[in-house]
């Protein structure tokens, strides 16, 4: 009797369908997306961590494509990070103690790092690449801070409000993500304080519109900026 020729493929299918596979990769992506209750800047609280973990687990369990997960996390909108897990990823880019551009810069750096594999966009959001990235990246060495601002401008309509769980205790809260509510202009060059060098006008340029550095695409009129970036 000859062995079935599909024995290996059936075994692989059984492993992929096992709860242990979901457990393993939920843990992996939880680490990769830095799903923790707090970082040096923000607190997600345990309920936010659980919601994000549930989102990752459900995505893997239903065989959701990775590019769809990426689009959902980048473009997420909602009011409660305790119940809508994907909100929690962009929340991880909140930066305290500075202007809102600090948030947009860090969220942009996280997107470039985790979804594009380009960690030095974080550098470009502070200074031009020439003289700093020459030995690390041919592209980075030729890219300016203004171009990095164009990428960050896809986040420039994004607000990350937080809401107290109990009005009598404002120290425990959940997060939201909303576009075109509090912020309705493109990336403004109007800061002198914060966690990055001053952002000041370049000649007559006082506002930087969204522009994707790899091709120059901009959102179509009426398109949600983050959804356009995610696409």
N, C-alpha and C. Protein backbone atom coordinates (compact mmCIF):
# COMPACT_ATOMS: atom_id res chain seq x y z
N UNK A 1 0.85 -1.20 0.00
CA UNK A 1 0.00 0.00 0.00
C UNK A 1 0.88 1.24 0.00
N UNK A 2 0.59 2.17 -0.86
CA UNK A 2 1.38 3.41 -0.94
C UNK A 2 0.78 4.46 0.00
N UNK A 3 1.68 5.28 0.58
CA UNK A 3 1.24 6.34 1.49
C UNK A 3 0.51 7.43 0.71
N UNK A 4 -0.48 8.05 1.31
CA UNK A 4 -1.18 9.15 0.63
C UNK A 4 -0.21 10.27 0.26
N UNK A 5 -0.33 10.76 -0.95
CA UNK A 5 0.59 11.80 -1.40
C UNK A 5 0.32 13.15 -0.75
N UNK A 6 -0.87 13.31 -0.16
CA UNK A 6 -1.22 14.61 0.43
C UNK A 6 -1.08 14.60 1.96
N UNK A 7 -0.34 13.63 2.48
CA UNK A 7 -0.21 13.50 3.93
C UNK A 7 0.39 14.76 4.54
N UNK A 8 1.44 15.28 3.93
CA UNK A 8 2.12 16.46 4.49
C UNK A 8 1.20 17.68 4.45
N UNK A 9 0.54 17.90 3.31
CA UNK A 9 -0.31 19.08 3.20
C UNK A 9 -1.48 19.02 4.19
N UNK A 10 -2.00 17.83 4.41
CA UNK A 10 -3.09 17.69 5.39
C UNK A 10 -2.58 17.99 6.80
N UNK A 11 -1.36 17.56 7.08
CA UNK A 11 -0.80 17.83 8.41
C UNK A 11 -0.57 19.33 8.60
N UNK A 12 -0.06 19.99 7.55
CA UNK A 12 0.14 21.44 7.62
C UNK A 12 -1.20 22.14 7.85
N UNK A 13 -2.23 21.70 7.12
CA UNK A 13 -3.56 22.30 7.29
C UNK A 13 -4.07 22.12 8.72
N UNK A 14 -3.81 20.96 9.30
CA UNK A 14 -4.28 20.70 10.67
C UNK A 14 -3.56 21.60 11.67
N UNK A 15 -2.27 21.87 11.42
CA UNK A 15 -1.53 22.76 12.31
C UNK A 15 -2.04 24.19 12.19
N UNK A 16 -2.30 24.63 10.96
CA UNK A 16 -2.79 25.99 10.76
C UNK A 16 -4.18 26.18 11.35
N UNK A 17 -4.94 25.11 11.45
CA UNK A 17 -6.29 25.20 12.00
C UNK A 17 -6.33 24.99 13.50
N UNK A 18 -5.20 24.77 14.10
CA UNK A 18 -5.18 24.43 15.52
C UNK A 18 -5.24 25.69 16.38
N UNK A 19 -5.82 25.60 17.58
CA UNK A 19 -5.82 26.75 18.49
C UNK A 19 -4.41 27.16 18.91
N UNK A 20 -3.49 26.21 18.89
CA UNK A 20 -2.11 26.55 19.27
C UNK A 20 -1.48 27.50 18.26
N UNK A 21 -1.83 27.34 16.96
CA UNK A 21 -1.31 28.27 15.95
C UNK A 21 -1.82 29.67 16.22
N UNK A 22 -3.11 29.80 16.53
CA UNK A 22 -3.68 31.11 16.83
C UNK A 22 -3.03 31.70 18.07
N UNK A 23 -2.82 30.87 19.10
CA UNK A 23 -2.18 31.36 20.33
C UNK A 23 -0.78 31.89 20.03
N UNK A 24 0.00 31.13 19.28
CA UNK A 24 1.38 31.50 18.99
C UNK A 24 1.44 32.84 18.25
N UNK A 25 0.62 32.98 17.20
CA UNK A 25 0.74 34.18 16.37
C UNK A 25 0.01 35.38 16.97
N UNK A 26 -0.96 35.13 17.81
CA UNK A 26 -1.55 36.24 18.56
C UNK A 26 -0.50 36.84 19.49
N UNK A 27 0.28 35.98 20.13
CA UNK A 27 1.35 36.46 21.00
C UNK A 27 2.41 37.19 20.19
N UNK A 28 2.76 36.64 19.02
CA UNK A 28 3.78 37.28 18.18
C UNK A 28 3.35 38.68 17.76
N UNK A 29 2.14 38.79 17.21
CA UNK A 29 1.70 40.10 16.73
C UNK A 29 1.42 41.05 17.90
N UNK A 30 1.03 40.52 19.04
CA UNK A 30 0.88 41.38 20.22
C UNK A 30 2.20 42.03 20.59
N UNK A 31 3.27 41.25 20.51
CA UNK A 31 4.60 41.81 20.77
C UNK A 31 5.01 42.78 19.67
N UNK A 32 4.77 42.39 18.42
CA UNK A 32 5.19 43.22 17.29
C UNK A 32 4.48 44.57 17.30
N UNK A 33 3.19 44.57 17.62
CA UNK A 33 2.42 45.81 17.66
C UNK A 33 2.48 46.50 19.02
N UNK A 34 3.36 45.98 19.89
CA UNK A 34 3.62 46.59 21.21
C UNK A 34 2.33 46.80 21.99
N UNK A 35 1.56 45.72 22.08
CA UNK A 35 0.30 45.77 22.81
C UNK A 35 0.56 45.61 24.30
N UNK A 36 0.89 46.72 24.94
CA UNK A 36 1.13 46.71 26.39
C UNK A 36 0.26 47.77 27.05
N UNK A 37 0.13 47.66 28.35
CA UNK A 37 -0.79 48.56 29.06
C UNK A 37 -0.26 49.98 29.13
N UNK A 38 1.07 50.14 29.05
CA UNK A 38 1.63 51.49 29.07
C UNK A 38 2.99 51.50 28.41
N UNK A 39 3.32 52.64 27.79
CA UNK A 39 4.69 52.87 27.37
C UNK A 39 5.16 54.14 28.08
N UNK A 40 6.22 54.73 27.62
CA UNK A 40 6.75 55.90 28.33
C UNK A 40 5.83 57.11 28.22
N UNK A 41 4.87 57.05 27.32
CA UNK A 41 4.03 58.22 27.06
C UNK A 41 2.57 58.03 27.46
N UNK A 42 2.00 56.86 27.19
CA UNK A 42 0.55 56.70 27.33
C UNK A 42 0.22 55.44 28.11
N UNK A 43 -1.05 55.37 28.55
CA UNK A 43 -1.58 54.19 29.23
C UNK A 43 -2.78 53.67 28.45
N UNK A 44 -2.78 52.39 28.11
CA UNK A 44 -3.93 51.79 27.45
C UNK A 44 -4.87 51.13 28.45
N UNK A 45 -4.35 50.80 29.62
CA UNK A 45 -5.08 50.07 30.64
C UNK A 45 -5.36 48.64 30.17
N UNK A 46 -5.65 47.77 31.11
CA UNK A 46 -5.82 46.34 30.81
C UNK A 46 -6.95 46.10 29.81
N UNK A 47 -8.04 46.86 29.93
CA UNK A 47 -9.16 46.65 29.02
C UNK A 47 -8.79 46.95 27.57
N UNK A 48 -7.93 47.95 27.36
CA UNK A 48 -7.47 48.25 26.01
C UNK A 48 -6.57 47.15 25.48
N UNK A 49 -5.69 46.63 26.32
CA UNK A 49 -4.80 45.53 25.93
C UNK A 49 -5.61 44.30 25.54
N UNK A 50 -6.62 43.98 26.34
CA UNK A 50 -7.47 42.82 26.05
C UNK A 50 -8.22 43.02 24.74
N UNK A 51 -8.74 44.22 24.51
CA UNK A 51 -9.48 44.49 23.28
C UNK A 51 -8.58 44.35 22.06
N UNK A 52 -7.36 44.87 22.14
CA UNK A 52 -6.42 44.76 21.03
C UNK A 52 -6.04 43.30 20.80
N UNK A 53 -5.80 42.56 21.88
CA UNK A 53 -5.49 41.14 21.78
C UNK A 53 -6.64 40.38 21.11
N UNK A 54 -7.87 40.72 21.49
CA UNK A 54 -9.04 40.06 20.88
C UNK A 54 -9.13 40.36 19.40
N UNK A 55 -8.80 41.61 19.02
CA UNK A 55 -8.82 41.98 17.60
C UNK A 55 -7.81 41.14 16.83
N UNK A 56 -6.60 41.03 17.34
CA UNK A 56 -5.56 40.24 16.67
C UNK A 56 -5.98 38.78 16.57
N UNK A 57 -6.48 38.24 17.67
CA UNK A 57 -6.88 36.83 17.71
C UNK A 57 -8.02 36.56 16.71
N UNK A 58 -9.01 37.44 16.70
CA UNK A 58 -10.13 37.25 15.77
C UNK A 58 -9.67 37.35 14.32
N UNK A 59 -8.74 38.27 14.05
CA UNK A 59 -8.23 38.43 12.69
C UNK A 59 -7.52 37.16 12.22
N UNK A 60 -6.72 36.58 13.09
CA UNK A 60 -6.00 35.36 12.72
C UNK A 60 -6.96 34.18 12.61
N UNK A 61 -7.92 34.11 13.50
CA UNK A 61 -8.86 32.99 13.51
C UNK A 61 -9.72 32.96 12.25
N UNK A 62 -9.99 34.12 11.69
CA UNK A 62 -10.83 34.20 10.48
C UNK A 62 -10.00 34.32 9.21
N UNK A 63 -8.68 34.14 9.35
CA UNK A 63 -7.78 34.18 8.20
C UNK A 63 -7.82 35.52 7.47
N UNK A 64 -7.92 36.59 8.25
CA UNK A 64 -7.94 37.93 7.66
C UNK A 64 -6.56 38.23 7.05
N UNK A 65 -6.50 38.71 5.83
CA UNK A 65 -5.20 39.03 5.22
C UNK A 65 -4.47 40.12 6.02
N UNK A 66 -3.14 40.03 6.04
CA UNK A 66 -2.35 40.97 6.82
C UNK A 66 -2.51 42.39 6.30
N UNK A 67 -2.62 42.57 4.98
CA UNK A 67 -2.77 43.93 4.47
C UNK A 67 -4.09 44.54 4.93
N UNK A 68 -5.12 43.71 5.10
CA UNK A 68 -6.39 44.22 5.61
C UNK A 68 -6.25 44.65 7.07
N UNK A 69 -5.52 43.87 7.85
CA UNK A 69 -5.26 44.26 9.24
C UNK A 69 -4.54 45.60 9.28
N UNK A 70 -3.53 45.75 8.43
CA UNK A 70 -2.78 47.01 8.41
C UNK A 70 -3.68 48.19 8.07
N UNK A 71 -4.52 48.02 7.05
CA UNK A 71 -5.42 49.12 6.67
C UNK A 71 -6.39 49.45 7.80
N UNK A 72 -6.90 48.44 8.47
CA UNK A 72 -7.84 48.67 9.55
C UNK A 72 -7.19 49.41 10.72
N UNK A 73 -5.97 49.05 11.05
CA UNK A 73 -5.31 49.70 12.19
C UNK A 73 -4.91 51.14 11.86
N UNK A 74 -4.47 51.38 10.62
CA UNK A 74 -4.06 52.73 10.24
C UNK A 74 -5.26 53.66 10.11
N UNK A 75 -6.38 53.15 9.61
CA UNK A 75 -7.53 54.01 9.31
C UNK A 75 -8.64 53.94 10.35
N UNK A 76 -8.41 53.23 11.46
CA UNK A 76 -9.47 53.01 12.45
C UNK A 76 -10.07 54.32 12.96
N UNK A 77 -11.37 54.30 13.14
CA UNK A 77 -12.08 55.39 13.78
C UNK A 77 -13.08 54.80 14.76
N UNK A 78 -13.26 55.46 15.87
CA UNK A 78 -14.20 54.99 16.87
C UNK A 78 -14.00 55.73 18.17
N UNK A 79 -14.89 55.48 19.12
CA UNK A 79 -14.90 56.26 20.35
C UNK A 79 -14.35 55.52 21.55
N UNK A 80 -14.19 54.18 21.46
CA UNK A 80 -13.88 53.43 22.67
C UNK A 80 -12.86 52.33 22.39
N UNK A 81 -11.64 52.54 22.86
CA UNK A 81 -10.57 51.57 22.65
C UNK A 81 -10.74 50.31 23.49
N UNK A 82 -11.67 50.33 24.44
CA UNK A 82 -11.94 49.13 25.24
C UNK A 82 -12.82 48.13 24.47
N UNK A 83 -13.56 48.62 23.50
CA UNK A 83 -14.48 47.75 22.77
C UNK A 83 -14.09 47.60 21.30
N UNK A 84 -13.28 48.49 20.78
CA UNK A 84 -12.84 48.43 19.38
C UNK A 84 -11.33 48.30 19.38
N UNK A 85 -10.86 47.08 19.34
CA UNK A 85 -9.46 46.80 19.62
C UNK A 85 -8.47 47.46 18.71
N UNK A 86 -8.79 47.60 17.41
CA UNK A 86 -7.82 48.14 16.45
C UNK A 86 -7.48 49.60 16.71
N UNK A 87 -8.33 50.30 17.45
CA UNK A 87 -8.02 51.69 17.82
C UNK A 87 -6.72 51.78 18.59
N UNK A 88 -6.43 50.77 19.37
CA UNK A 88 -5.31 50.82 20.30
C UNK A 88 -3.95 50.92 19.63
N UNK A 89 -3.85 50.54 18.35
CA UNK A 89 -2.53 50.60 17.74
C UNK A 89 -2.06 52.03 17.54
N UNK A 90 -2.84 52.88 16.90
CA UNK A 90 -2.42 54.27 16.71
C UNK A 90 -2.31 55.01 18.04
N UNK A 91 -3.10 54.60 19.02
CA UNK A 91 -3.01 55.22 20.35
C UNK A 91 -1.59 55.09 20.90
N UNK A 92 -0.91 54.02 20.53
CA UNK A 92 0.46 53.83 20.99
C UNK A 92 1.42 54.91 20.52
N UNK A 93 1.01 55.72 19.53
CA UNK A 93 1.86 56.80 19.05
C UNK A 93 1.59 58.14 19.69
N UNK A 94 0.71 58.17 20.69
CA UNK A 94 0.43 59.43 21.38
C UNK A 94 1.67 59.87 22.16
N UNK A 95 2.01 61.15 22.04
CA UNK A 95 3.17 61.74 22.73
C UNK A 95 2.67 62.90 23.59
N UNK A 96 3.06 62.88 24.84
CA UNK A 96 2.59 63.91 25.76
C UNK A 96 3.61 65.04 25.88
N UNK A 97 3.13 66.20 26.32
CA UNK A 97 4.03 67.30 26.64
C UNK A 97 4.41 68.19 25.48
N UNK A 98 3.75 68.07 24.35
CA UNK A 98 4.11 68.89 23.21
C UNK A 98 2.91 69.18 22.34
N UNK A 99 3.13 69.81 21.20
CA UNK A 99 2.03 70.10 20.28
C UNK A 99 1.51 68.83 19.61
N UNK A 100 0.35 68.92 18.97
CA UNK A 100 -0.26 67.74 18.38
C UNK A 100 0.60 67.16 17.26
N UNK A 101 1.45 67.99 16.63
CA UNK A 101 2.32 67.45 15.58
C UNK A 101 3.23 66.35 16.12
N UNK A 102 3.55 66.39 17.42
CA UNK A 102 4.35 65.31 18.00
C UNK A 102 3.62 63.97 17.87
N UNK A 103 2.30 63.98 18.08
CA UNK A 103 1.51 62.76 17.90
C UNK A 103 1.58 62.28 16.46
N UNK A 104 1.32 63.19 15.54
CA UNK A 104 1.27 62.80 14.13
C UNK A 104 2.62 62.28 13.66
N UNK A 105 3.70 62.90 14.13
CA UNK A 105 5.04 62.44 13.76
C UNK A 105 5.29 61.03 14.28
N UNK A 106 4.97 60.79 15.54
CA UNK A 106 5.25 59.47 16.11
C UNK A 106 4.37 58.40 15.49
N UNK A 107 3.12 58.71 15.24
CA UNK A 107 2.25 57.75 14.58
C UNK A 107 2.75 57.43 13.18
N UNK A 108 3.24 58.45 12.48
CA UNK A 108 3.81 58.24 11.15
C UNK A 108 5.07 57.39 11.22
N UNK A 109 5.92 57.67 12.19
CA UNK A 109 7.14 56.88 12.36
C UNK A 109 6.79 55.42 12.65
N UNK A 110 5.76 55.18 13.45
CA UNK A 110 5.34 53.81 13.76
C UNK A 110 4.82 53.10 12.51
N UNK A 111 4.04 53.81 11.69
CA UNK A 111 3.54 53.22 10.45
C UNK A 111 4.70 52.84 9.54
N UNK A 112 5.66 53.75 9.37
CA UNK A 112 6.80 53.48 8.50
C UNK A 112 7.64 52.33 9.03
N UNK A 113 7.81 52.28 10.33
CA UNK A 113 8.64 51.25 10.96
C UNK A 113 7.98 49.88 10.85
N UNK A 114 6.73 49.77 11.28
CA UNK A 114 6.11 48.46 11.41
C UNK A 114 5.48 47.95 10.12
N UNK A 115 5.03 48.83 9.23
CA UNK A 115 4.38 48.37 8.03
C UNK A 115 5.21 48.54 6.77
N UNK A 116 6.21 49.43 6.79
CA UNK A 116 7.07 49.63 5.64
C UNK A 116 8.51 49.18 5.89
N UNK A 117 8.85 48.91 7.14
CA UNK A 117 10.20 48.47 7.46
C UNK A 117 11.24 49.56 7.29
N UNK A 118 10.84 50.83 7.48
CA UNK A 118 11.76 51.96 7.30
C UNK A 118 11.82 52.73 8.62
N UNK A 119 12.75 52.36 9.47
CA UNK A 119 12.82 52.95 10.81
C UNK A 119 13.29 54.39 10.79
N UNK A 120 14.07 54.79 9.78
CA UNK A 120 14.67 56.12 9.83
C UNK A 120 13.75 57.23 9.35
N UNK A 121 12.48 56.94 9.02
CA UNK A 121 11.51 58.03 8.85
C UNK A 121 11.42 58.82 10.15
N UNK A 122 11.61 58.15 11.26
CA UNK A 122 11.62 58.82 12.56
C UNK A 122 12.71 59.88 12.61
N UNK A 123 13.87 59.61 12.00
CA UNK A 123 14.96 60.58 11.95
C UNK A 123 14.58 61.76 11.06
N UNK A 124 13.95 61.47 9.92
CA UNK A 124 13.62 62.51 8.95
C UNK A 124 12.56 63.47 9.48
N UNK A 125 11.80 63.05 10.45
CA UNK A 125 10.80 63.94 11.05
C UNK A 125 11.43 64.95 12.01
N UNK A 126 12.75 64.85 12.17
CA UNK A 126 13.50 65.83 12.97
C UNK A 126 14.45 66.67 12.12
N UNK A 127 14.97 66.09 11.03
CA UNK A 127 15.97 66.81 10.23
C UNK A 127 16.09 66.17 8.85
N UNK A 128 16.67 66.89 7.92
CA UNK A 128 16.93 66.34 6.59
C UNK A 128 17.86 65.14 6.71
N UNK A 129 17.76 64.24 5.73
CA UNK A 129 18.59 63.04 5.78
C UNK A 129 20.04 63.26 5.42
N UNK A 130 20.31 64.25 4.59
CA UNK A 130 21.69 64.48 4.14
C UNK A 130 22.58 64.80 5.34
N UNK A 131 23.71 64.11 5.40
CA UNK A 131 24.65 64.31 6.49
C UNK A 131 24.34 63.47 7.72
N UNK A 132 23.17 62.83 7.74
CA UNK A 132 22.78 62.00 8.88
C UNK A 132 22.57 60.54 8.49
N UNK A 133 22.02 60.32 7.31
CA UNK A 133 21.66 58.96 6.91
C UNK A 133 22.48 58.45 5.73
N UNK A 134 23.53 59.17 5.37
CA UNK A 134 24.29 58.82 4.18
C UNK A 134 24.81 57.39 4.21
N UNK A 135 25.27 56.93 5.36
CA UNK A 135 25.84 55.58 5.45
C UNK A 135 24.78 54.52 5.74
N UNK A 136 23.52 54.95 5.94
CA UNK A 136 22.45 54.00 6.29
C UNK A 136 21.47 53.77 5.16
N UNK A 137 21.17 54.82 4.40
CA UNK A 137 20.09 54.71 3.43
C UNK A 137 20.30 55.70 2.30
N UNK A 138 20.40 55.20 1.07
CA UNK A 138 20.52 56.07 -0.09
C UNK A 138 19.26 56.92 -0.22
N UNK A 139 18.10 56.30 -0.03
CA UNK A 139 16.85 57.06 -0.10
C UNK A 139 16.78 58.10 1.02
N UNK A 140 17.07 57.68 2.24
CA UNK A 140 16.99 58.59 3.37
C UNK A 140 17.92 59.78 3.26
N UNK A 141 19.12 59.54 2.74
CA UNK A 141 20.10 60.63 2.59
C UNK A 141 19.64 61.69 1.61
N UNK A 142 18.71 61.32 0.72
CA UNK A 142 18.23 62.25 -0.30
C UNK A 142 16.85 62.83 0.03
N UNK A 143 16.36 62.52 1.22
CA UNK A 143 15.00 62.91 1.60
C UNK A 143 15.05 64.03 2.63
N UNK A 144 14.12 64.97 2.52
CA UNK A 144 14.11 66.13 3.41
C UNK A 144 13.06 65.97 4.50
N UNK A 145 13.21 66.81 5.51
CA UNK A 145 12.22 66.83 6.58
C UNK A 145 10.86 67.25 6.05
N UNK A 146 10.85 68.14 5.09
CA UNK A 146 9.58 68.58 4.52
C UNK A 146 8.86 67.41 3.84
N UNK A 147 9.59 66.53 3.18
CA UNK A 147 8.97 65.36 2.58
C UNK A 147 8.41 64.43 3.65
N UNK A 148 9.11 64.30 4.76
CA UNK A 148 8.60 63.49 5.86
C UNK A 148 7.34 64.12 6.45
N UNK A 149 7.31 65.44 6.51
CA UNK A 149 6.10 66.12 6.97
C UNK A 149 4.93 65.82 6.03
N UNK A 150 5.21 65.70 4.74
CA UNK A 150 4.15 65.35 3.80
C UNK A 150 3.53 64.00 4.11
N UNK A 151 4.36 63.06 4.57
CA UNK A 151 3.84 61.75 4.99
C UNK A 151 3.04 61.90 6.28
N UNK A 152 3.58 62.66 7.23
CA UNK A 152 2.88 62.88 8.49
C UNK A 152 1.57 63.62 8.30
N UNK A 153 1.46 64.39 7.22
CA UNK A 153 0.25 65.16 6.98
C UNK A 153 -0.96 64.28 6.73
N UNK A 154 -0.74 63.01 6.37
CA UNK A 154 -1.87 62.08 6.26
C UNK A 154 -2.54 61.86 7.62
N UNK A 155 -1.82 62.17 8.70
CA UNK A 155 -2.37 62.04 10.05
C UNK A 155 -2.87 63.37 10.59
N UNK A 156 -2.77 64.45 9.80
CA UNK A 156 -2.95 65.79 10.34
C UNK A 156 -4.40 66.15 10.69
N UNK A 157 -5.34 65.31 10.32
CA UNK A 157 -6.73 65.56 10.70
C UNK A 157 -7.16 64.68 11.87
N UNK A 158 -6.22 63.94 12.44
CA UNK A 158 -6.54 62.91 13.43
C UNK A 158 -6.47 63.43 14.85
N UNK A 159 -7.54 63.22 15.58
CA UNK A 159 -7.58 63.53 17.01
C UNK A 159 -7.65 62.21 17.77
N UNK A 160 -7.02 62.18 18.95
CA UNK A 160 -7.04 60.99 19.80
C UNK A 160 -7.62 61.39 21.16
N UNK A 161 -8.92 61.58 21.22
CA UNK A 161 -9.53 62.01 22.49
C UNK A 161 -9.55 60.87 23.50
N UNK A 162 -9.60 61.22 24.75
CA UNK A 162 -9.76 60.20 25.78
C UNK A 162 -10.95 60.56 26.66
N UNK A 163 -11.63 59.55 27.15
CA UNK A 163 -12.85 59.72 27.92
C UNK A 163 -12.75 58.97 29.23
N UNK A 164 -13.03 59.64 30.31
CA UNK A 164 -12.99 59.01 31.62
C UNK A 164 -14.04 57.90 31.72
N UNK A 165 -13.63 56.75 32.23
CA UNK A 165 -14.57 55.66 32.42
C UNK A 165 -15.63 56.05 33.44
N UNK A 166 -15.19 56.74 34.48
CA UNK A 166 -16.08 57.22 35.53
C UNK A 166 -15.80 58.71 35.72
N UNK A 167 -16.79 59.57 35.51
CA UNK A 167 -16.54 61.01 35.62
C UNK A 167 -15.94 61.44 36.96
N UNK A 168 -16.11 60.62 37.98
CA UNK A 168 -15.56 60.97 39.28
C UNK A 168 -14.10 60.55 39.43
N UNK A 169 -13.57 59.82 38.44
CA UNK A 169 -12.18 59.38 38.47
C UNK A 169 -11.60 59.52 37.06
N UNK A 170 -11.02 60.67 36.78
CA UNK A 170 -10.50 60.93 35.43
C UNK A 170 -9.15 60.29 35.18
N UNK A 171 -8.63 59.55 36.14
CA UNK A 171 -7.34 58.88 35.97
C UNK A 171 -7.46 57.56 35.23
N UNK A 172 -8.67 57.08 35.00
CA UNK A 172 -8.90 55.85 34.24
C UNK A 172 -9.77 56.22 33.05
N UNK A 173 -9.31 55.91 31.85
CA UNK A 173 -9.99 56.40 30.66
C UNK A 173 -9.77 55.45 29.49
N UNK A 174 -10.58 55.61 28.49
CA UNK A 174 -10.37 54.90 27.22
C UNK A 174 -10.14 55.94 26.13
N UNK A 175 -9.63 55.46 24.99
CA UNK A 175 -9.23 56.34 23.90
C UNK A 175 -10.18 56.23 22.73
N UNK A 176 -10.14 57.23 21.87
CA UNK A 176 -10.87 57.20 20.62
C UNK A 176 -9.99 57.70 19.48
N UNK A 177 -10.47 57.55 18.27
CA UNK A 177 -9.80 58.10 17.09
C UNK A 177 -10.87 58.77 16.23
N UNK A 178 -10.66 60.03 15.91
CA UNK A 178 -11.64 60.77 15.11
C UNK A 178 -10.92 61.67 14.13
N UNK A 179 -11.47 61.81 12.95
CA UNK A 179 -10.89 62.66 11.91
C UNK A 179 -11.79 63.85 11.61
N UNK A 180 -11.15 64.98 11.29
CA UNK A 180 -11.86 66.18 10.84
C UNK A 180 -12.85 66.70 11.88
N UNK A 181 -12.51 66.52 13.13
CA UNK A 181 -13.36 67.05 14.19
C UNK A 181 -12.66 68.23 14.87
N UNK A 182 -11.58 67.96 15.54
CA UNK A 182 -10.82 69.00 16.22
C UNK A 182 -9.80 69.64 15.28
N UNK A 183 -9.24 68.84 14.37
CA UNK A 183 -8.21 69.32 13.46
C UNK A 183 -8.71 69.21 12.03
N UNK A 184 -8.72 70.34 11.32
CA UNK A 184 -9.33 70.38 9.99
C UNK A 184 -8.42 70.99 8.94
N UNK A 185 -7.13 71.17 9.26
CA UNK A 185 -6.17 71.68 8.29
C UNK A 185 -5.04 70.68 8.14
N UNK A 186 -4.21 70.90 7.12
CA UNK A 186 -3.07 70.03 6.91
C UNK A 186 -1.96 70.37 7.91
N UNK A 187 -0.86 69.67 7.80
CA UNK A 187 0.24 69.75 8.76
C UNK A 187 0.80 71.17 8.81
N UNK A 188 0.63 71.84 9.95
CA UNK A 188 1.03 73.24 10.10
C UNK A 188 2.45 73.36 10.61
N UNK A 189 3.19 74.31 10.06
CA UNK A 189 4.56 74.60 10.51
C UNK A 189 4.49 75.79 11.46
N UNK A 190 4.11 75.51 12.69
CA UNK A 190 3.84 76.59 13.65
C UNK A 190 4.25 76.25 15.08
N UNK A 191 5.26 75.36 15.25
CA UNK A 191 5.65 74.98 16.60
C UNK A 191 7.09 75.39 16.89
N UNK A 192 7.34 75.72 18.14
CA UNK A 192 8.71 75.99 18.60
C UNK A 192 9.05 75.15 19.83
N UNK A 193 8.07 74.37 20.32
CA UNK A 193 8.30 73.52 21.49
C UNK A 193 7.90 72.10 21.16
N UNK A 194 8.16 71.20 22.09
CA UNK A 194 7.76 69.82 21.92
C UNK A 194 8.93 68.87 21.95
N UNK A 195 8.69 67.66 21.47
CA UNK A 195 9.69 66.60 21.52
C UNK A 195 10.57 66.53 20.28
N UNK A 196 10.33 67.42 19.34
CA UNK A 196 11.14 67.47 18.12
C UNK A 196 11.54 68.92 17.85
N UNK A 197 12.53 69.15 16.98
CA UNK A 197 12.92 70.53 16.68
C UNK A 197 11.75 71.35 16.16
N UNK A 198 11.88 72.66 16.28
CA UNK A 198 10.80 73.57 15.86
C UNK A 198 10.38 73.30 14.43
N UNK A 199 9.09 73.46 14.21
CA UNK A 199 8.52 73.36 12.86
C UNK A 199 8.10 74.77 12.46
N UNK A 200 8.84 75.36 11.55
CA UNK A 200 8.60 76.74 11.17
C UNK A 200 8.46 76.86 9.65
N UNK A 201 7.78 77.92 9.18
CA UNK A 201 7.56 78.08 7.74
C UNK A 201 8.86 77.99 6.94
N UNK A 202 8.73 77.43 5.76
CA UNK A 202 9.85 77.36 4.81
C UNK A 202 9.50 78.30 3.67
N UNK A 203 10.08 79.48 3.68
CA UNK A 203 9.68 80.50 2.71
C UNK A 203 8.24 80.88 2.95
N UNK A 204 7.42 80.71 1.94
CA UNK A 204 5.99 81.03 2.08
C UNK A 204 5.16 79.80 2.47
N UNK A 205 5.82 78.66 2.62
CA UNK A 205 5.10 77.42 2.96
C UNK A 205 4.86 77.36 4.46
N UNK A 206 3.61 77.45 4.85
CA UNK A 206 3.24 77.40 6.27
C UNK A 206 2.46 76.14 6.61
N UNK A 207 1.98 75.45 5.60
CA UNK A 207 1.20 74.22 5.78
C UNK A 207 1.67 73.20 4.74
N UNK A 208 1.90 71.96 5.18
CA UNK A 208 2.38 70.92 4.28
C UNK A 208 1.23 69.95 3.98
N UNK A 209 0.82 69.81 2.74
CA UNK A 209 -0.27 68.89 2.40
C UNK A 209 0.23 67.44 2.36
N UNK A 210 -0.67 66.49 2.45
CA UNK A 210 -0.26 65.08 2.38
C UNK A 210 0.34 64.73 1.02
N UNK A 211 1.47 64.05 1.05
CA UNK A 211 2.10 63.56 -0.17
C UNK A 211 2.92 62.32 0.18
N UNK A 212 2.65 61.23 -0.48
CA UNK A 212 3.35 59.98 -0.21
C UNK A 212 4.76 60.06 -0.80
N UNK A 213 5.81 59.89 0.01
CA UNK A 213 7.17 60.12 -0.49
C UNK A 213 7.58 59.20 -1.63
N UNK A 214 6.96 58.03 -1.72
CA UNK A 214 7.33 57.07 -2.75
C UNK A 214 6.31 57.12 -3.88
N UNK A 215 6.36 58.19 -4.65
CA UNK A 215 5.46 58.33 -5.78
C UNK A 215 4.71 59.65 -5.79
N UNK A 216 4.63 60.31 -4.65
CA UNK A 216 4.02 61.63 -4.59
C UNK A 216 2.51 61.66 -4.55
N UNK A 217 1.85 60.49 -4.36
CA UNK A 217 0.39 60.48 -4.36
C UNK A 217 -0.18 61.28 -3.20
N UNK A 218 -1.31 61.93 -3.46
CA UNK A 218 -2.05 62.68 -2.44
C UNK A 218 -3.48 62.16 -2.40
N UNK A 219 -4.17 62.38 -1.29
CA UNK A 219 -5.56 61.90 -1.21
C UNK A 219 -6.43 62.61 -2.24
N UNK A 220 -7.35 61.88 -2.83
CA UNK A 220 -8.33 62.49 -3.72
C UNK A 220 -9.25 63.39 -2.91
N UNK A 221 -9.81 64.39 -3.55
CA UNK A 221 -10.70 65.32 -2.87
C UNK A 221 -11.83 64.57 -2.17
N UNK A 222 -12.04 64.90 -0.89
CA UNK A 222 -13.10 64.27 -0.13
C UNK A 222 -12.74 62.94 0.49
N UNK A 223 -11.52 62.46 0.24
CA UNK A 223 -11.08 61.17 0.77
C UNK A 223 -10.53 61.33 2.17
N UNK A 224 -10.84 60.41 3.04
CA UNK A 224 -10.25 60.40 4.38
C UNK A 224 -8.74 60.20 4.26
N UNK A 225 -7.98 61.07 4.90
CA UNK A 225 -6.53 61.03 4.76
C UNK A 225 -5.92 59.70 5.19
N UNK A 226 -6.30 59.23 6.36
CA UNK A 226 -5.69 57.99 6.87
C UNK A 226 -6.09 56.78 6.02
N UNK A 227 -7.33 56.78 5.54
CA UNK A 227 -7.76 55.69 4.66
C UNK A 227 -6.95 55.71 3.37
N UNK A 228 -6.66 56.91 2.85
CA UNK A 228 -5.86 57.02 1.64
C UNK A 228 -4.44 56.52 1.89
N UNK A 229 -3.87 56.88 3.02
CA UNK A 229 -2.53 56.41 3.37
C UNK A 229 -2.51 54.90 3.51
N UNK A 230 -3.51 54.35 4.19
CA UNK A 230 -3.57 52.90 4.40
C UNK A 230 -3.67 52.17 3.06
N UNK A 231 -4.41 52.75 2.14
CA UNK A 231 -4.57 52.10 0.83
C UNK A 231 -3.26 52.10 0.05
